[in-house]
Amino acid sequence: MSQSLVDKLPDISGKAGLRVWLKSSGYARRLLLGEAGDPWLGAAAYLAYFGQANGLLRPDIAVLEVDDLLRSWAKRHPALTSEMAAKRRTSYPLRKLLEAEGPRQLLAEVAEAVAGAVRGQVPVVLAMATPRAWLGMASQLTGRDDVTVEDDDLEDAAMYMADFFRSVSSAPVGGVFLEDGKAPAQLGDAARCRPVVNVARHYRWGIVWRTQGDAGEALAEMVDGLVMPLPPTGLAKAAGLEVGPALWSGAALPPLAPGQFYFAEIPVDQKPETVLDNLSRLR
């Protein structure tokens, strides 16, 4: 059983909780496996990689980067990417990618293995792109970059993601982390992404959304926390402060207010001694 992400988040009453959330998959993969390394070749391979990365960085959350899993699977299964490219409809590549049984089974096996390794001490969280960003990612896997996302496409993507969640519903997952990536959330995205939220709520998974757009206040109504450069004033939810630029440049870090935590992405090419020195500043 995974610890709940909600129980790990700080709140505005001053309850102690998560202090540092790291996004470290790119850095850890390069450091431990090399530039071309791939930890997603099987549950045993991932667990070995996770054990090394966990011992090195001591993260407060066990984050499984679902986007990395899907890219790995698509790269190793060209028949799937050919099938994804069979139709021009914007949402079709994502539909075929998320329907594939192999990635679903692998994710469930990895979640079980990682949950057993952390023994309930930290939550196991599925990190993935938001519906809007995932539409672009799936299309890029087929070689198409000229994707225009309409409202209907976004609603379709949310339904495909909700179905994908159901496939790992029995896995020991404690939360979901959604990231805008290069496709910032827009004001209407909160309503159209409701199927994703509803399914996560049904399984009692906490939800944190990392956004670079202007939709923070709208998104806050349906999630347990937001990660933003500048969270909305008076946000009555957990708020992650994006401090990566300040952290890696050596600048002063903003103090944490009640209900806030630091969020930092480790640059892929960062030196290990620099990483450890700067993580000590956060902690």
C-alpha atoms as a PDB file:
ATOM      1  CA  MET A   1       0.000   0.000   0.000  1.00  0.00           C
ATOM      2  CA  SER A   2       1.420   3.392  -0.979  1.00  0.00           C
ATOM      3  CA  GLN A   3       1.336   6.389   1.283  1.00  0.00           C
ATOM      4  CA  SER A   4      -1.138   9.013   0.063  1.00  0.00           C
ATOM      5  CA  LEU A   5       0.323  12.062  -1.644  1.00  0.00           C
ATOM      6  CA  VAL A   6      -2.311  14.200   0.096  1.00  0.00           C
ATOM      7  CA  ASP A   7      -0.975  13.148   3.483  1.00  0.00           C
ATOM      8  CA  LYS A   8       2.524  14.213   2.425  1.00  0.00           C
ATOM      9  CA  LEU A   9       1.589  17.737   1.302  1.00  0.00           C
ATOM     10  CA  PRO A  10       1.918  20.675   3.720  1.00  0.00           C
ATOM     11  CA  ASP A  11      -1.164  22.776   4.393  1.00  0.00           C
ATOM     12  CA  ILE A  12      -1.798  26.413   5.193  1.00  0.00           C
ATOM     13  CA  SER A  13      -2.400  25.625   8.866  1.00  0.00           C
ATOM     14  CA  GLY A  14       1.329  25.012   9.173  1.00  0.00           C
ATOM     15  CA  LYS A  15       1.168  21.209   9.263  1.00  0.00           C
ATOM     16  CA  ALA A  16       4.592  19.802   8.546  1.00  0.00           C
ATOM     17  CA  GLY A  17       4.843  17.888   5.305  1.00  0.00           C
ATOM     18  CA  LEU A  18       6.804  17.671   2.109  1.00  0.00           C
ATOM     19  CA  ARG A  19       9.605  20.245   1.908  1.00  0.00           C
ATOM     20  CA  VAL A  20      11.379  19.333  -1.350  1.00  0.00           C
ATOM     21  CA  TRP A  21      10.015  17.791  -4.557  1.00  0.00           C
ATOM     22  CA  LEU A  22      12.706  16.822  -7.051  1.00  0.00           C
ATOM     23  CA  LYS A  23      12.346  16.156 -10.759  1.00  0.00           C
ATOM     24  CA  SER A  24      15.459  14.142 -11.358  1.00  0.00           C
ATOM     25  CA  SER A  25      14.829  11.395 -13.920  1.00  0.00           C
ATOM     26  CA  GLY A  26      16.956  12.892 -16.717  1.00  0.00           C
ATOM     27  CA  TYR A  27      19.890  13.596 -14.403  1.00  0.00           C
ATOM     28  CA  ALA A  28      19.721  10.231 -12.623  1.00  0.00           C
ATOM     29  CA  ARG A  29      19.408   8.308 -15.883  1.00  0.00           C
ATOM     30  CA  ARG A  30      22.491   9.980 -17.397  1.00  0.00           C
ATOM     31  CA  LEU A  31      24.528   9.595 -14.231  1.00  0.00           C
ATOM     32  CA  LEU A  32      23.656   5.960 -13.553  1.00  0.00           C
ATOM     33  CA  LEU A  33      22.987   4.517 -17.010  1.00  0.00           C
ATOM     34  CA  GLY A  34      24.740   6.839 -19.468  1.00  0.00           C
ATOM     35  CA  GLU A  35      23.344   9.051 -22.210  1.00  0.00           C
ATOM     36  CA  ALA A  36      21.566   6.191 -23.988  1.00  0.00           C
ATOM     37  CA  GLY A  37      20.558   4.334 -20.833  1.00  0.00           C
ATOM     38  CA  ASP A  38      16.974   3.138 -20.421  1.00  0.00           C
ATOM     39  CA  PRO A  39      15.669   1.986 -17.025  1.00  0.00           C
ATOM     40  CA  TRP A  40      12.289   0.921 -18.484  1.00  0.00           C
ATOM     41  CA  LEU A  41      13.362  -2.434 -19.935  1.00  0.00           C
ATOM     42  CA  GLY A  42      11.495  -4.340 -17.228  1.00  0.00           C
ATOM     43  CA  ALA A  43      10.424  -4.150 -13.600  1.00  0.00           C
ATOM     44  CA  ALA A  44      13.676  -5.681 -12.303  1.00  0.00           C
ATOM     45  CA  ALA A  45      15.798  -3.271 -14.351  1.00  0.00           C
ATOM     46  CA  TYR A  46      13.789  -0.307 -13.148  1.00  0.00           C
ATOM     47  CA  LEU A  47      13.965  -1.374  -9.514  1.00  0.00           C
ATOM     48  CA  ALA A  48      17.753  -1.656  -9.694  1.00  0.00           C
ATOM     49  CA  TYR A  49      17.942   1.825 -11.213  1.00  0.00           C
ATOM     50  CA  PHE A  50      15.474   3.234  -8.690  1.00  0.00           C
ATOM     51  CA  GLY A  51      17.426   1.803  -5.774  1.00  0.00           C
ATOM     52  CA  GLN A  52      20.606   3.557  -6.902  1.00  0.00           C
ATOM     53  CA  ALA A  53      18.867   6.867  -7.625  1.00  0.00           C
ATOM     54  CA  ASN A  54      16.971   6.744  -4.349  1.00  0.00           C
ATOM     55  CA  GLY A  55      20.123   6.141  -2.374  1.00  0.00           C
ATOM     56  CA  LEU A  56      21.881   9.000  -4.147  1.00  0.00           C
ATOM     57  CA  LEU A  57      19.201  11.702  -3.913  1.00  0.00           C
ATOM     58  CA  ARG A  58      17.005  10.554  -1.004  1.00  0.00           C
ATOM     59  CA  PRO A  59      13.789  12.007  -2.520  1.00  0.00           C
ATOM     60  CA  ASP A  60      10.693  12.631  -0.415  1.00  0.00           C
ATOM     61  CA  ILE A  61       8.469  11.137  -3.127  1.00  0.00           C
ATOM     62  CA  ALA A  62       8.928   8.085  -5.363  1.00  0.00           C
ATOM     63  CA  VAL A  63       8.109   9.555  -8.775  1.00  0.00           C
ATOM     64  CA  LEU A  64       7.505   7.276 -11.762  1.00  0.00           C
ATOM     65  CA  GLU A  65       7.862   9.252 -14.995  1.00  0.00           C
ATOM     66  CA  VAL A  66       5.154   7.724 -17.179  1.00  0.00           C
ATOM     67  CA  ASP A  67       6.154   9.863 -20.177  1.00  0.00           C
ATOM     68  CA  ASP A  68       9.617   8.280 -20.088  1.00  0.00           C
ATOM     69  CA  LEU A  69       8.080   4.813 -19.977  1.00  0.00           C
ATOM     70  CA  LEU A  70       5.885   5.529 -22.997  1.00  0.00           C
ATOM     71  CA  ARG A  71       8.719   7.044 -25.030  1.00  0.00           C
ATOM     72  CA  SER A  72      10.867   4.024 -24.224  1.00  0.00           C
ATOM     73  CA  TRP A  73       8.125   1.616 -25.224  1.00  0.00           C
ATOM     74  CA  ALA A  74       7.358   3.439 -28.471  1.00  0.00           C
ATOM     75  CA  LYS A  75      11.057   3.523 -29.410  1.00  0.00           C
ATOM     76  CA  ARG A  76      11.385  -0.218 -28.859  1.00  0.00           C
ATOM     77  CA  HIS A  77       8.118  -1.078 -30.638  1.00  0.00           C
ATOM     78  CA  PRO A  78       8.072   0.619 -34.059  1.00  0.00           C
ATOM     79  CA  ALA A  79       4.942  -1.289 -35.045  1.00  0.00           C
ATOM     80  CA  LEU A  80       3.081   0.678 -32.402  1.00  0.00           C
ATOM     81  CA  THR A  81       4.294   4.053 -33.684  1.00  0.00           C
ATOM     82  CA  SER A  82       3.274   3.036 -37.194  1.00  0.00           C
ATOM     83  CA  GLU A  83      -0.187   2.239 -35.900  1.00  0.00           C
ATOM     84  CA  MET A  84      -0.294   5.564 -34.052  1.00  0.00           C
ATOM     85  CA  ALA A  85       0.445   7.372 -37.325  1.00  0.00           C
ATOM     86  CA  ALA A  86      -2.273   5.560 -39.282  1.00  0.00           C
ATOM     87  CA  LYS A  87      -4.819   8.380 -38.943  1.00  0.00           C
ATOM     88  CA  ARG A  88      -4.442  12.158 -39.014  1.00  0.00           C
ATOM     89  CA  ARG A  89      -6.909  12.909 -36.234  1.00  0.00           C
ATOM     90  CA  THR A  90      -5.061  14.818 -33.499  1.00  0.00           C
ATOM     91  CA  SER A  91      -6.111  12.540 -30.656  1.00  0.00           C
ATOM     92  CA  TYR A  92      -5.552   9.245 -32.512  1.00  0.00           C
ATOM     93  CA  PRO A  93      -1.810   8.766 -31.725  1.00  0.00           C
ATOM     94  CA  LEU A  94      -2.454   9.272 -28.015  1.00  0.00           C
ATOM     95  CA  ARG A  95      -5.392   6.890 -28.052  1.00  0.00           C
ATOM     96  CA  LYS A  96      -3.347   4.072 -29.596  1.00  0.00           C
ATOM     97  CA  LEU A  97      -0.389   4.739 -27.289  1.00  0.00           C
ATOM     98  CA  LEU A  98      -2.459   4.627 -24.117  1.00  0.00           C
ATOM     99  CA  GLU A  99      -4.451   1.612 -25.258  1.00  0.00           C
ATOM    100  CA  ALA A 100      -1.326  -0.533 -25.684  1.00  0.00           C
ATOM    101  CA  GLU A 101      -1.313  -3.308 -23.106  1.00  0.00           C
ATOM    102  CA  GLY A 102       2.468  -3.581 -22.692  1.00  0.00           C
ATOM    103  CA  PRO A 103       3.121  -0.153 -21.112  1.00  0.00           C
ATOM    104  CA  ARG A 104       0.134  -0.570 -18.791  1.00  0.00           C
ATOM    105  CA  GLN A 105       1.383  -3.901 -17.518  1.00  0.00           C
ATOM    106  CA  LEU A 106       4.947  -2.640 -17.108  1.00  0.00           C
ATOM    107  CA  LEU A 107       3.814   0.433 -15.175  1.00  0.00           C
ATOM    108  CA  ALA A 108       1.735  -1.694 -12.797  1.00  0.00           C
ATOM    109  CA  GLU A 109       4.674  -4.055 -12.215  1.00  0.00           C
ATOM    110  CA  VAL A 110       7.092  -1.185 -11.608  1.00  0.00           C
ATOM    111  CA  ALA A 111       4.694   0.531  -9.195  1.00  0.00           C
ATOM    112  CA  GLU A 112       4.383  -2.714  -7.209  1.00  0.00           C
ATOM    113  CA  ALA A 113       8.150  -3.161  -7.115  1.00  0.00           C
ATOM    114  CA  VAL A 114       8.886   0.427  -6.079  1.00  0.00           C
ATOM    115  CA  ALA A 115       6.143   0.440  -3.440  1.00  0.00           C
ATOM    116  CA  GLY A 116       7.682  -2.688  -1.958  1.00  0.00           C
ATOM    117  CA  ALA A 117      11.098  -1.039  -1.918  1.00  0.00           C
ATOM    118  CA  VAL A 118       9.962   2.148  -0.147  1.00  0.00           C
ATOM    119  CA  ARG A 119       7.731   0.207   2.296  1.00  0.00           C
ATOM    120  CA  GLY A 120       5.120   2.915   2.608  1.00  0.00           C
ATOM    121  CA  GLN A 121       7.604   5.521   3.822  1.00  0.00           C
ATOM    122  CA  VAL A 122       7.035   7.798   0.816  1.00  0.00           C
ATOM    123  CA  PRO A 123       4.157   7.993  -1.687  1.00  0.00           C
ATOM    124  CA  VAL A 124       4.463   6.439  -5.142  1.00  0.00           C
ATOM    125  CA  VAL A 125       3.379   9.094  -7.651  1.00  0.00           C
ATOM    126  CA  LEU A 126       2.685   8.807 -11.377  1.00  0.00           C
ATOM    127  CA  ALA A 127       4.149  11.836 -13.187  1.00  0.00           C
ATOM    128  CA  MET A 128       2.882  12.522 -16.684  1.00  0.00           C
ATOM    129  CA  ALA A 129       2.010  15.250 -19.135  1.00  0.00           C
ATOM    130  CA  THR A 130      -1.359  16.964 -18.952  1.00  0.00           C
ATOM    131  CA  PRO A 131      -3.913  16.007 -21.643  1.00  0.00           C
ATOM    132  CA  ARG A 132      -2.957  19.010 -23.795  1.00  0.00           C
ATOM    133  CA  ALA A 133       0.778  18.325 -23.533  1.00  0.00           C
ATOM    134  CA  TRP A 134       0.355  14.586 -24.017  1.00  0.00           C
ATOM    135  CA  LEU A 135      -1.441  15.121 -27.318  1.00  0.00           C
ATOM    136  CA  GLY A 136       1.641  16.894 -28.601  1.00  0.00           C
ATOM    137  CA  MET A 137       4.024  14.284 -27.243  1.00  0.00           C
ATOM    138  CA  ALA A 138       2.143  11.379 -28.832  1.00  0.00           C
ATOM    139  CA  SER A 139       2.056  13.146 -32.192  1.00  0.00           C
ATOM    140  CA  GLN A 140       5.794  13.849 -32.006  1.00  0.00           C
ATOM    141  CA  LEU A 141       6.429  10.140 -31.546  1.00  0.00           C
ATOM    142  CA  THR A 142       4.902   9.640 -34.998  1.00  0.00           C
ATOM    143  CA  GLY A 143       7.049  12.392 -36.523  1.00  0.00           C
ATOM    144  CA  ARG A 144       4.334  15.061 -36.562  1.00  0.00           C
ATOM    145  CA  ASP A 145       5.005  18.410 -34.881  1.00  0.00           C
ATOM    146  CA  ASP A 146       2.259  20.531 -36.436  1.00  0.00           C
ATOM    147  CA  VAL A 147      -0.480  19.653 -33.955  1.00  0.00           C
ATOM    148  CA  THR A 148      -3.406  21.996 -33.404  1.00  0.00           C
ATOM    149  CA  VAL A 149      -5.384  21.025 -30.305  1.00  0.00           C
ATOM    150  CA  GLU A 150      -9.108  21.743 -30.392  1.00  0.00           C
ATOM    151  CA  ASP A 151     -11.512  21.465 -27.471  1.00  0.00           C
ATOM    152  CA  ASP A 152     -12.814  18.090 -28.678  1.00  0.00           C
ATOM    153  CA  ASP A 153      -9.268  16.743 -28.883  1.00  0.00           C
ATOM    154  CA  LEU A 154      -8.587  17.788 -25.307  1.00  0.00           C
ATOM    155  CA  GLU A 155     -11.759  16.115 -24.073  1.00  0.00           C
ATOM    156  CA  ASP A 156     -10.851  12.926 -25.946  1.00  0.00           C
ATOM    157  CA  ALA A 157      -7.350  12.995 -24.445  1.00  0.00           C
ATOM    158  CA  ALA A 158      -8.755  13.340 -20.931  1.00  0.00           C
ATOM    159  CA  MET A 159     -10.987  10.290 -21.478  1.00  0.00           C
ATOM    160  CA  TYR A 160      -8.058   8.223 -22.799  1.00  0.00           C
ATOM    161  CA  MET A 161      -5.984   9.198 -19.766  1.00  0.00           C
ATOM    162  CA  ALA A 162      -8.835   8.311 -17.418  1.00  0.00           C
ATOM    163  CA  ASP A 163      -9.020   4.860 -18.998  1.00  0.00           C
ATOM    164  CA  PHE A 164      -5.249   4.504 -18.663  1.00  0.00           C
ATOM    165  CA  PHE A 165      -5.580   5.238 -14.927  1.00  0.00           C
ATOM    166  CA  ARG A 166      -8.115   2.443 -14.608  1.00  0.00           C
ATOM    167  CA  SER A 167      -5.590  -0.013 -15.987  1.00  0.00           C
ATOM    168  CA  VAL A 168      -3.280   0.596 -13.012  1.00  0.00           C
ATOM    169  CA  SER A 169      -6.034   1.078 -10.428  1.00  0.00           C
ATOM    170  CA  SER A 170      -4.905  -1.938  -8.397  1.00  0.00           C
ATOM    171  CA  ALA A 171      -1.280  -0.753  -8.289  1.00  0.00           C
ATOM    172  CA  PRO A 172      -0.041   0.876  -5.046  1.00  0.00           C
ATOM    173  CA  VAL A 173      -0.251   4.468  -6.293  1.00  0.00           C
ATOM    174  CA  GLY A 174      -0.596   7.412  -3.912  1.00  0.00           C
ATOM    175  CA  GLY A 175      -0.969  10.313  -6.326  1.00  0.00           C
ATOM    176  CA  VAL A 176      -0.696  11.842  -9.770  1.00  0.00           C
ATOM    177  CA  PHE A 177       1.567  14.689 -10.885  1.00  0.00           C
ATOM    178  CA  LEU A 178       0.460  16.435 -14.096  1.00  0.00           C
ATOM    179  CA  GLU A 179       2.881  18.688 -15.998  1.00  0.00           C
ATOM    180  CA  ASP A 180       2.100  21.238 -18.685  1.00  0.00           C
ATOM    181  CA  GLY A 181       5.471  20.860 -20.385  1.00  0.00           C
ATOM    182  CA  LYS A 182       5.677  22.973 -23.534  1.00  0.00           C
ATOM    183  CA  ALA A 183       1.880  23.242 -23.796  1.00  0.00           C
ATOM    184  CA  PRO A 184       0.760  25.509 -20.909  1.00  0.00           C
ATOM    185  CA  ALA A 185      -2.727  24.930 -19.516  1.00  0.00           C
ATOM    186  CA  GLN A 186      -5.353  27.339 -20.789  1.00  0.00           C
ATOM    187  CA  LEU A 187      -8.315  28.710 -18.872  1.00  0.00           C
ATOM    188  CA  GLY A 188     -10.740  26.146 -20.276  1.00  0.00           C
ATOM    189  CA  ASP A 189      -8.526  23.149 -19.575  1.00  0.00           C
ATOM    190  CA  ALA A 190      -9.733  22.640 -16.002  1.00  0.00           C
ATOM    191  CA  ALA A 191     -13.281  21.784 -17.075  1.00  0.00           C
ATOM    192  CA  ARG A 192     -12.227  19.657 -20.043  1.00  0.00           C
ATOM    193  CA  CYS A 193      -9.757  17.644 -17.965  1.00  0.00           C
ATOM    194  CA  ARG A 194     -12.397  16.712 -15.405  1.00  0.00           C
ATOM    195  CA  PRO A 195     -12.446  12.975 -16.387  1.00  0.00           C
ATOM    196  CA  VAL A 196      -8.799  12.679 -15.334  1.00  0.00           C
ATOM    197  CA  VAL A 197      -9.518  14.267 -11.963  1.00  0.00           C
ATOM    198  CA  ASN A 198     -12.676  12.261 -11.368  1.00  0.00           C
ATOM    199  CA  VAL A 199     -10.933   8.921 -11.867  1.00  0.00           C
ATOM    200  CA  ALA A 200      -7.985   9.931  -9.681  1.00  0.00           C
ATOM    201  CA  ARG A 201     -10.416  10.997  -6.960  1.00  0.00           C
ATOM    202  CA  HIS A 202     -12.266   7.688  -7.270  1.00  0.00           C
ATOM    203  CA  TYR A 203      -9.042   5.846  -6.488  1.00  0.00           C
ATOM    204  CA  ARG A 204      -8.230   8.339  -3.708  1.00  0.00           C
ATOM    205  CA  TRP A 205      -5.087   9.540  -5.437  1.00  0.00           C
ATOM    206  CA  GLY A 206      -3.823  13.012  -4.607  1.00  0.00           C
ATOM    207  CA  ILE A 207      -3.353  15.383  -7.553  1.00  0.00           C
ATOM    208  CA  VAL A 208      -0.682  18.042  -8.069  1.00  0.00           C
ATOM    209  CA  TRP A 209      -0.515  20.073 -11.298  1.00  0.00           C
ATOM    210  CA  ARG A 210       2.644  21.829 -12.514  1.00  0.00           C
ATOM    211  CA  THR A 211       1.702  24.702 -14.779  1.00  0.00           C
ATOM    212  CA  GLN A 212       3.428  27.592 -16.500  1.00  0.00           C
ATOM    213  CA  GLY A 213       0.215  29.125 -17.794  1.00  0.00           C
ATOM    214  CA  ASP A 214      -2.391  31.558 -16.496  1.00  0.00           C
ATOM    215  CA  ALA A 215      -4.892  28.909 -15.431  1.00  0.00           C
ATOM    216  CA  GLY A 216      -3.550  28.371 -11.919  1.00  0.00           C
ATOM    217  CA  GLU A 217      -6.566  29.662 -10.012  1.00  0.00           C
ATOM    218  CA  ALA A 218      -8.984  27.629 -12.148  1.00  0.00           C
ATOM    219  CA  LEU A 219      -6.887  24.475 -11.740  1.00  0.00           C
ATOM    220  CA  ALA A 220      -6.605  24.998  -7.971  1.00  0.00           C
ATOM    221  CA  GLU A 221     -10.309  24.320  -7.629  1.00  0.00           C
ATOM    222  CA  MET A 222      -9.879  20.661  -8.573  1.00  0.00           C
ATOM    223  CA  VAL A 223      -6.394  19.623  -7.368  1.00  0.00           C
ATOM    224  CA  ASP A 224      -4.621  19.190  -4.045  1.00  0.00           C
ATOM    225  CA  GLY A 225      -1.624  21.291  -4.992  1.00  0.00           C
ATOM    226  CA  LEU A 226      -0.053  23.436  -7.680  1.00  0.00           C
ATOM    227  CA  VAL A 227       3.558  23.920  -8.726  1.00  0.00           C
ATOM    228  CA  MET A 228       4.129  27.352 -10.270  1.00  0.00           C
ATOM    229  CA  PRO A 229       6.848  30.019 -10.438  1.00  0.00           C
ATOM    230  CA  LEU A 230       4.504  32.322  -8.515  1.00  0.00           C
ATOM    231  CA  PRO A 231       1.492  30.575  -6.948  1.00  0.00           C
ATOM    232  CA  PRO A 232      -1.720  32.645  -6.796  1.00  0.00           C
ATOM    233  CA  THR A 233      -1.946  34.844  -3.709  1.00  0.00           C
ATOM    234  CA  GLY A 234      -4.065  33.306  -0.973  1.00  0.00           C
ATOM    235  CA  LEU A 235      -4.062  29.834  -2.512  1.00  0.00           C
ATOM    236  CA  ALA A 236      -5.803  27.505  -0.065  1.00  0.00           C
ATOM    237  CA  LYS A 237      -3.935  24.477  -1.409  1.00  0.00           C
ATOM    238  CA  ALA A 238      -0.389  23.188  -1.165  1.00  0.00           C
ATOM    239  CA  ALA A 239       1.883  25.264  -3.408  1.00  0.00           C
ATOM    240  CA  GLY A 240       5.211  24.250  -4.870  1.00  0.00           C
ATOM    241  CA  LEU A 241       7.658  27.077  -5.539  1.00  0.00           C
ATOM    242  CA  GLU A 242       9.718  26.566  -8.715  1.00  0.00           C
ATOM    243  CA  VAL A 243      13.220  27.412  -7.473  1.00  0.00           C
ATOM    244  CA  GLY A 244      15.405  25.631 -10.027  1.00  0.00           C
ATOM    245  CA  PRO A 245      16.876  28.783 -11.655  1.00  0.00           C
ATOM    246  CA  ALA A 246      17.751  30.308  -8.278  1.00  0.00           C
ATOM    247  CA  LEU A 247      19.053  27.039  -6.895  1.00  0.00           C
ATOM    248  CA  TRP A 248      21.485  26.238  -9.703  1.00  0.00           C
ATOM    249  CA  SER A 249      22.700  29.832 -10.089  1.00  0.00           C
ATOM    250  CA  GLY A 250      23.518  30.105  -6.400  1.00  0.00           C
ATOM    251  CA  ALA A 251      20.956  32.856  -5.762  1.00  0.00           C
ATOM    252  CA  ALA A 252      19.045  33.200  -2.512  1.00  0.00           C
ATOM    253  CA  LEU A 253      16.010  30.963  -2.128  1.00  0.00           C
ATOM    254  CA  PRO A 254      12.623  32.408  -1.162  1.00  0.00           C
ATOM    255  CA  PRO A 255      11.463  31.405   2.319  1.00  0.00           C
ATOM    256  CA  LEU A 256       8.635  28.894   2.531  1.00  0.00           C
ATOM    257  CA  ALA A 257       5.287  30.101   3.827  1.00  0.00           C
ATOM    258  CA  PRO A 258       2.812  27.685   5.466  1.00  0.00           C
ATOM    259  CA  GLY A 259       1.483  25.261   2.872  1.00  0.00           C
ATOM    260  CA  GLN A 260       4.442  25.690   0.518  1.00  0.00           C
ATOM    261  CA  PHE A 261       7.277  23.413  -0.602  1.00  0.00           C
ATOM    262  CA  TYR A 262      10.259  23.738  -2.935  1.00  0.00           C
ATOM    263  CA  PHE A 263      10.166  22.219  -6.426  1.00  0.00           C
ATOM    264  CA  ALA A 264      13.400  21.843  -8.369  1.00  0.00           C
ATOM    265  CA  GLU A 265      14.322  20.072 -11.574  1.00  0.00           C
ATOM    266  CA  ILE A 266      17.919  18.835 -11.661  1.00  0.00           C
ATOM    267  CA  PRO A 267      19.622  19.749 -14.956  1.00  0.00           C
ATOM    268  CA  VAL A 268      20.643  16.652 -16.893  1.00  0.00           C
ATOM    269  CA  ASP A 269      24.309  17.696 -17.171  1.00  0.00           C
ATOM    270  CA  GLN A 270      24.753  18.894 -13.578  1.00  0.00           C
ATOM    271  CA  LYS A 271      27.794  17.633 -11.644  1.00  0.00           C
ATOM    272  CA  PRO A 272      27.009  15.285  -8.720  1.00  0.00           C
ATOM    273  CA  GLU A 273      28.925  17.341  -6.150  1.00  0.00           C
ATOM    274  CA  THR A 274      27.049  20.478  -7.217  1.00  0.00           C
ATOM    275  CA  VAL A 275      23.730  18.656  -6.951  1.00  0.00           C
ATOM    276  CA  LEU A 276      24.412  17.414  -3.441  1.00  0.00           C
ATOM    277  CA  ASP A 277      25.641  20.825  -2.269  1.00  0.00           C
ATOM    278  CA  ASN A 278      22.542  22.567  -3.592  1.00  0.00           C
ATOM    279  CA  LEU A 279      20.116  19.950  -2.292  1.00  0.00           C
ATOM    280  CA  SER A 280      21.510  20.607   1.166  1.00  0.00           C
ATOM    281  CA  ARG A 281      20.450  24.250   0.695  1.00  0.00           C
ATOM    282  CA  LEU A 282      16.873  23.150   0.067  1.00  0.00           C
ATOM    283  CA  ARG A 283      16.746  20.804   3.007  1.00  0.00           C
END
